[in-house]
Amino acid sequence: MKTKYLQYLAVLSTLVLLFPVGASARNNAHSVQLFDVVQIGSTQLKPGNYKVEWQGTGPAVQVSFHQNGKTVVTVPATLKANDDQVTQDAIMIEATSADRSELKEIDFGRPKEALVFDQNPDGK
């Protein structure tokens, strides 16, 4: 009887130890398509498909843009719950001059999250 109890305890202990690993293994990556050249930080992203991946659970996260298996740029961003009625992914770009547009936000329809990029964190 004592052996069965120890077996159950060992299985339960293993499951308890593995649960946090599964819970934190959330998919923090999405694919996005850019149709125009956009500025993010000091880097210009050319039109194309990018894998956007972030580290952390928010609100402050580090976001990496990958293309063809290579990291193009890593920038800070704010991860927030998306309260808007977004049903599909959306990219918000702001034209700052005639020849320059900055990436401001990426809204994800599922999960309802958004990455907000502050191009001037010092308010300059």
Protein backbone atom coordinates (compact mmCIF):
# COMPACT_ATOMS: atom_id res chain seq x y z
CA MET A 1 0.00 0.00 0.00
CA LYS A 2 2.84 2.35 0.86
CA THR A 3 4.44 1.71 -2.56
CA LYS A 4 1.31 2.84 -4.41
CA TYR A 5 1.16 5.98 -2.30
CA LEU A 6 4.79 6.78 -3.18
CA GLN A 7 4.12 6.13 -6.87
CA TYR A 8 1.13 8.52 -6.86
CA LEU A 9 3.16 11.10 -4.96
CA ALA A 10 6.01 10.83 -7.49
CA VAL A 11 3.62 11.28 -10.47
CA LEU A 12 1.85 14.20 -8.79
CA SER A 13 5.17 15.88 -7.96
CA THR A 14 6.34 15.52 -11.56
CA LEU A 15 3.13 17.06 -12.90
CA VAL A 16 3.35 19.96 -10.47
CA LEU A 17 6.92 20.66 -11.54
CA LEU A 18 6.08 20.51 -15.25
CA PHE A 19 2.95 22.69 -15.06
CA PRO A 20 4.78 26.06 -14.83
CA VAL A 21 6.89 25.11 -17.87
CA GLY A 22 3.77 24.46 -19.95
CA ALA A 23 2.02 27.57 -18.72
CA SER A 24 4.95 29.81 -19.62
CA ALA A 25 5.46 28.20 -23.03
CA ARG A 26 2.97 30.60 -24.58
CA ASN A 27 3.33 31.46 -28.22
CA ASN A 28 4.78 34.97 -28.20
CA ALA A 29 5.35 35.04 -31.94
CA HIS A 30 3.28 36.08 -34.93
CA SER A 31 3.88 36.61 -38.63
CA VAL A 32 3.24 40.03 -40.12
CA GLN A 33 3.44 41.38 -43.64
CA LEU A 34 4.75 44.87 -44.31
CA PHE A 35 3.79 46.46 -47.61
CA ASP A 36 5.90 49.63 -47.27
CA VAL A 37 9.27 50.59 -45.84
CA VAL A 38 8.85 51.49 -42.14
CA GLN A 39 11.22 52.80 -39.51
CA ILE A 40 11.51 50.95 -36.19
CA GLY A 41 14.14 52.34 -33.89
CA SER A 42 17.15 53.14 -36.05
CA THR A 43 16.36 50.36 -38.55
CA GLN A 44 14.33 50.50 -41.74
CA LEU A 45 12.26 47.40 -42.36
CA LYS A 46 11.74 46.68 -46.04
CA PRO A 47 8.45 45.31 -47.36
CA GLY A 48 8.07 41.59 -46.76
CA ASN A 49 7.09 38.92 -44.28
CA TYR A 50 8.49 39.08 -40.76
CA LYS A 51 8.22 36.88 -37.72
CA VAL A 52 7.60 39.14 -34.72
CA GLU A 53 8.61 37.56 -31.43
CA TRP A 54 8.71 39.06 -27.95
CA GLN A 55 10.25 38.10 -24.65
CA GLY A 56 8.34 38.65 -21.43
CA THR A 57 4.72 38.86 -20.37
CA GLY A 58 4.47 42.64 -20.31
CA PRO A 59 3.92 45.36 -20.10
CA ALA A 60 7.60 46.03 -21.04
CA VAL A 61 8.90 43.50 -23.58
CA GLN A 62 11.73 43.14 -26.08
CA VAL A 63 10.47 42.54 -29.63
CA SER A 64 12.55 40.94 -32.35
CA PHE A 65 11.77 41.10 -36.06
CA HIS A 66 13.08 38.06 -37.95
CA GLN A 67 13.25 37.56 -41.70
CA ASN A 68 14.64 34.53 -43.51
CA GLY A 69 15.81 33.07 -40.21
CA LYS A 70 17.87 36.15 -39.28
CA THR A 71 17.15 38.75 -36.62
CA VAL A 72 16.76 42.11 -38.36
CA VAL A 73 16.20 44.26 -35.26
CA THR A 74 15.27 44.00 -31.57
CA VAL A 75 13.47 46.94 -29.97
CA PRO A 76 11.60 47.67 -26.73
CA ALA A 77 7.81 47.81 -26.80
CA THR A 78 4.79 47.78 -24.54
CA LEU A 79 2.54 44.72 -24.59
CA LYS A 80 -1.06 45.61 -23.80
CA ALA A 81 -4.46 44.00 -23.90
CA ASN A 82 -6.21 45.05 -27.07
CA ASP A 83 -9.62 46.43 -26.16
CA ASP A 84 -10.41 47.49 -29.72
CA GLN A 85 -12.75 45.45 -31.88
CA VAL A 86 -9.89 43.96 -33.88
CA THR A 87 -10.84 40.71 -35.61
CA GLN A 88 -7.65 40.38 -37.62
CA ASP A 89 -4.07 41.53 -37.26
CA ALA A 90 -3.53 45.23 -37.97
CA ILE A 91 -0.41 47.36 -38.31
CA MET A 92 -0.47 51.05 -37.42
CA ILE A 93 2.07 53.24 -39.23
CA GLU A 94 2.54 57.00 -38.91
CA ALA A 95 4.03 59.13 -41.68
CA THR A 96 6.57 61.43 -40.02
CA SER A 97 7.81 63.08 -43.22
CA ALA A 98 7.34 62.77 -46.98
CA ASP A 99 9.77 59.86 -47.16
CA ARG A 100 9.59 58.29 -43.70
CA SER A 101 6.96 56.22 -41.89
CA GLU A 102 7.32 54.84 -38.37
CA LEU A 103 5.84 51.61 -37.06
CA LYS A 104 3.69 52.57 -34.07
CA GLU A 105 1.65 49.49 -33.17
CA ILE A 106 0.82 45.94 -34.15
CA ASP A 107 -2.62 44.72 -33.06
CA PHE A 108 -3.25 40.99 -32.97
CA GLY A 109 -6.81 39.76 -33.44
CA ARG A 110 -6.10 36.53 -31.57
CA PRO A 111 -5.01 36.72 -28.84
CA LYS A 112 -6.34 40.21 -28.26
CA GLU A 113 -2.95 41.79 -27.66
CA ALA A 114 -1.07 44.74 -29.09
CA LEU A 115 2.58 45.73 -29.26
CA VAL A 116 3.08 49.48 -28.99
CA PHE A 117 6.39 50.95 -30.12
CA ASP A 118 7.52 54.26 -28.63
CA GLN A 119 9.99 55.70 -31.12
CA ASN A 120 10.87 58.57 -28.74
CA PRO A 121 10.85 57.13 -25.21
CA ASP A 122 12.49 60.30 -23.81
CA GLY A 123 9.71 62.49 -25.25
CA LYS A 124 12.12 64.13 -27.71
